[in-house]
Amino acid sequence: MCLNEKYLPVYQFSEKHSLHIMAPHADILTAVLNFRPQEDWLFRYATAVRELPIRLLDVIQGRSAKSRPSFGMENFTLLEKNGVLELVFGLAGKFWQADYGQTTISTASDFLAFNKSGTAKLVLSFTVEKLNETHTRLTTETRIFCLDKEAKRSFTPYWYLIRPISGLIRLRILKAISHSVRNEMPSTPIN
């Protein structure tokens, strides 16, 4: 059973992207864990636009706009890693709210047990499939489950608003991971 099925077998929204990478499969999940999307200009820009309302509210209410850390991989909880083949992160909250309405999830069991009404759960997975000795398929999938009708009603317009940029960011993440793995591979002499 894949980890997505373990942590979020039922979901209403999903997005999946894959990329073939010329690199051994054993190196790829390490690159995923080391990747920071904040290094990508599109991710930084999209996050800044997404967070503009809450930052303006902070300024209006006399709080420093810089006191709130930007959204990033630090917001996710690593739920489980399956060797060099798969890993899954989790997130829970009211993602459509200006401040993301995030609930702190510390462990995999916290994520599985989470069931607060009016909220949603999200898993972000990365799966590695060895194609041959030199090529690997890296797949990322995002699944979202709204815990009730209220959450689904709130999340649906947000999903359709962010999905195009989210998909583009996921593709850029896959390409950046591919680039980092290829750059770290030792060069082999050409005979």
Protein backbone atom coordinates (compact mmCIF):
# COMPACT_ATOMS: atom_id res chain seq x y z
CA MET A 1 0.00 0.00 0.00
CA CYS A 2 1.39 3.44 -0.91
CA LEU A 3 1.71 5.97 1.88
CA ASN A 4 -0.95 8.22 0.31
CA GLU A 5 -3.44 5.42 0.81
CA LYS A 6 -2.38 5.00 4.42
CA TYR A 7 -2.69 8.67 5.36
CA LEU A 8 -5.47 9.93 3.07
CA PRO A 9 -7.28 7.11 1.26
CA VAL A 10 -10.39 9.25 0.72
CA TYR A 11 -10.10 12.74 -0.76
CA GLN A 12 -12.08 15.22 -2.82
CA PHE A 13 -9.22 17.09 -4.51
CA SER A 14 -5.93 15.91 -5.94
CA GLU A 15 -3.13 16.88 -8.24
CA LYS A 16 -0.38 14.62 -9.57
CA HIS A 17 2.78 15.33 -11.58
CA SER A 18 5.71 13.14 -12.69
CA LEU A 19 9.11 13.65 -14.22
CA HIS A 20 11.68 11.19 -15.57
CA ILE A 21 15.09 11.96 -14.07
CA MET A 22 18.42 10.72 -15.31
CA ALA A 23 19.73 9.72 -11.90
CA PRO A 24 19.80 6.64 -9.66
CA HIS A 25 16.63 6.26 -7.63
CA ALA A 26 18.50 6.03 -4.31
CA ASP A 27 19.60 9.69 -4.48
CA ILE A 28 16.29 11.29 -5.29
CA LEU A 29 14.39 11.22 -1.96
CA THR A 30 17.43 12.76 -0.26
CA ALA A 31 17.23 15.59 -2.78
CA VAL A 32 13.49 15.92 -2.07
CA LEU A 33 14.15 16.22 1.67
CA ASN A 34 16.88 18.81 1.09
CA PHE A 35 14.87 20.89 -1.38
CA ARG A 36 13.52 24.24 -0.20
CA PRO A 37 10.84 25.69 -2.49
CA GLN A 38 11.60 29.16 -1.10
CA GLU A 39 14.68 29.10 -3.36
CA ASP A 40 12.38 29.25 -6.41
CA TRP A 41 11.37 32.75 -7.53
CA LEU A 42 7.85 31.65 -8.58
CA PHE A 43 7.20 30.01 -5.22
CA ARG A 44 8.40 33.15 -3.38
CA TYR A 45 6.31 35.43 -5.59
CA ALA A 46 3.14 33.28 -5.38
CA THR A 47 3.53 32.99 -1.60
CA ALA A 48 4.02 36.75 -1.26
CA VAL A 49 0.86 37.42 -3.29
CA ARG A 50 -1.07 34.75 -1.31
CA GLU A 51 0.09 36.26 2.01
CA LEU A 52 -0.46 39.91 1.08
CA PRO A 53 -3.88 40.19 2.84
CA ILE A 54 -2.60 38.85 6.18
CA ARG A 55 0.55 40.98 6.00
CA LEU A 56 -1.55 44.11 5.34
CA LEU A 57 -3.80 43.18 8.24
CA ASP A 58 -0.71 42.81 10.45
CA VAL A 59 0.43 46.33 9.48
CA ILE A 60 -3.06 47.78 10.08
CA GLN A 61 -3.15 46.14 13.51
CA GLY A 62 0.32 47.45 14.40
CA ARG A 63 2.22 44.18 14.06
CA SER A 64 5.38 43.97 12.04
CA ALA A 65 4.71 42.46 8.60
CA LYS A 66 7.99 40.58 8.97
CA SER A 67 7.04 38.95 12.29
CA ARG A 68 5.11 36.21 10.48
CA PRO A 69 7.28 33.59 8.73
CA SER A 70 6.34 32.85 5.11
CA PHE A 71 4.71 29.54 4.26
CA GLY A 72 7.16 26.80 3.28
CA MET A 73 8.08 23.18 3.81
CA GLU A 74 8.57 23.93 7.51
CA ASN A 75 4.76 24.11 7.78
CA PHE A 76 4.47 20.44 6.81
CA THR A 77 5.03 17.44 9.05
CA LEU A 78 7.00 14.52 7.65
CA LEU A 79 4.57 11.69 8.31
CA GLU A 80 6.56 8.75 7.01
CA LYS A 81 9.45 7.75 4.76
CA ASN A 82 9.55 4.34 3.08
CA GLY A 83 13.25 3.74 2.41
CA VAL A 84 14.36 5.34 -0.85
CA LEU A 85 10.98 4.84 -2.52
CA GLU A 86 8.44 7.16 -0.95
CA LEU A 87 7.77 9.87 1.59
CA VAL A 88 4.68 11.76 2.63
CA PHE A 89 4.11 15.08 4.40
CA GLY A 90 0.92 16.20 6.12
CA LEU A 91 -0.83 19.48 6.82
CA ALA A 92 -4.17 20.28 8.45
CA GLY A 93 -6.22 23.43 8.83
CA LYS A 94 -8.30 26.00 6.99
CA PHE A 95 -5.97 26.63 4.07
CA TRP A 96 -8.36 29.13 2.46
CA GLN A 97 -8.00 31.57 5.37
CA ALA A 98 -5.58 34.49 5.04
CA ASP A 99 -3.33 32.99 7.73
CA TYR A 100 -3.81 29.40 6.38
CA GLY A 101 -5.71 28.44 9.56
CA GLN A 102 -3.07 25.80 10.14
CA THR A 103 -3.35 23.33 12.99
CA THR A 104 -0.08 22.07 14.42
CA ILE A 105 0.41 18.39 13.63
CA SER A 106 3.46 16.90 15.34
CA THR A 107 3.27 13.22 14.48
CA ALA A 108 1.78 10.79 12.00
CA SER A 109 -0.67 9.55 14.63
CA ASP A 110 -1.79 13.17 15.28
CA PHE A 111 -2.46 13.54 11.56
CA LEU A 112 -4.46 10.31 11.36
CA ALA A 113 -6.50 11.24 14.45
CA PHE A 114 -7.16 14.84 13.38
CA ASN A 115 -10.88 15.42 12.76
CA LYS A 116 -11.74 19.02 13.65
CA SER A 117 -14.92 20.14 11.89
CA GLY A 118 -14.65 22.94 9.34
CA THR A 119 -11.09 21.97 8.37
CA ALA A 120 -9.20 19.96 5.78
CA LYS A 121 -6.30 17.52 5.73
CA LEU A 122 -3.64 17.50 3.03
CA VAL A 123 -0.95 15.01 2.11
CA LEU A 124 1.95 15.81 -0.17
CA SER A 125 3.79 12.73 -1.34
CA PHE A 126 6.86 12.00 -3.39
CA THR A 127 7.28 8.56 -4.93
CA VAL A 128 10.35 7.22 -6.70
CA GLU A 129 10.12 4.47 -9.32
CA LYS A 130 13.29 2.95 -10.75
CA LEU A 131 12.92 2.74 -14.52
CA ASN A 132 16.40 1.31 -15.22
CA GLU A 133 19.94 1.72 -13.88
CA THR A 134 20.16 5.38 -14.92
CA HIS A 135 16.58 6.66 -15.07
CA THR A 136 13.97 7.19 -12.39
CA ARG A 137 10.42 8.53 -12.33
CA LEU A 138 9.70 11.00 -9.53
CA THR A 139 6.02 11.60 -8.86
CA THR A 140 4.45 14.12 -6.53
CA GLU A 141 0.82 13.94 -5.53
CA THR A 142 -1.23 16.29 -3.39
CA ARG A 143 -4.49 15.03 -1.88
CA ILE A 144 -6.96 17.10 0.13
CA PHE A 145 -9.84 15.81 2.21
CA CYS A 146 -12.37 18.30 3.60
CA LEU A 147 -13.71 16.95 6.86
CA ASP A 148 -17.24 18.25 6.36
CA LYS A 149 -19.52 20.16 3.97
CA GLU A 150 -18.59 23.52 5.50
CA ALA A 151 -14.89 22.91 4.85
CA LYS A 152 -15.57 21.69 1.32
CA ARG A 153 -17.72 24.73 0.57
CA SER A 154 -14.89 27.01 1.77
CA PHE A 155 -12.05 25.08 0.17
CA THR A 156 -13.53 24.52 -3.31
CA PRO A 157 -13.22 28.10 -4.69
CA TYR A 158 -9.77 28.41 -3.09
CA TRP A 159 -8.64 25.20 -4.81
CA TYR A 160 -9.75 26.36 -8.24
CA LEU A 161 -8.03 29.70 -7.68
CA ILE A 162 -4.66 28.30 -6.57
CA ARG A 163 -4.56 25.05 -8.55
CA PRO A 164 -2.96 26.41 -11.76
CA ILE A 165 -0.11 28.09 -9.87
CA SER A 166 0.18 25.15 -7.47
CA GLY A 167 0.56 22.77 -10.42
CA LEU A 168 3.19 24.98 -12.02
CA ILE A 169 5.09 25.15 -8.72
CA ARG A 170 4.96 21.33 -8.39
CA LEU A 171 6.42 20.96 -11.89
CA ARG A 172 9.17 23.45 -11.04
CA ILE A 173 9.92 21.52 -7.84
CA LEU A 174 10.32 18.29 -9.81
CA LYS A 175 12.64 20.01 -12.31
CA ALA A 176 14.70 21.63 -9.53
CA ILE A 177 15.10 18.27 -7.77
CA SER A 178 16.12 16.69 -11.07
CA HIS A 179 18.67 19.44 -11.65
CA SER A 180 20.10 19.16 -8.13
CA VAL A 181 20.47 15.36 -8.36
CA ARG A 182 22.14 15.55 -11.77
CA ASN A 183 24.53 18.26 -10.56
CA GLU A 184 25.54 16.20 -7.53
CA MET A 185 26.22 13.05 -9.52
CA PRO A 186 29.89 12.32 -10.17
CA SER A 187 30.77 12.88 -13.79
CA THR A 188 31.70 9.80 -15.77
CA PRO A 189 34.42 10.01 -18.41
CA ILE A 190 33.32 9.62 -22.00
CA ASN A 191 35.44 7.07 -23.88
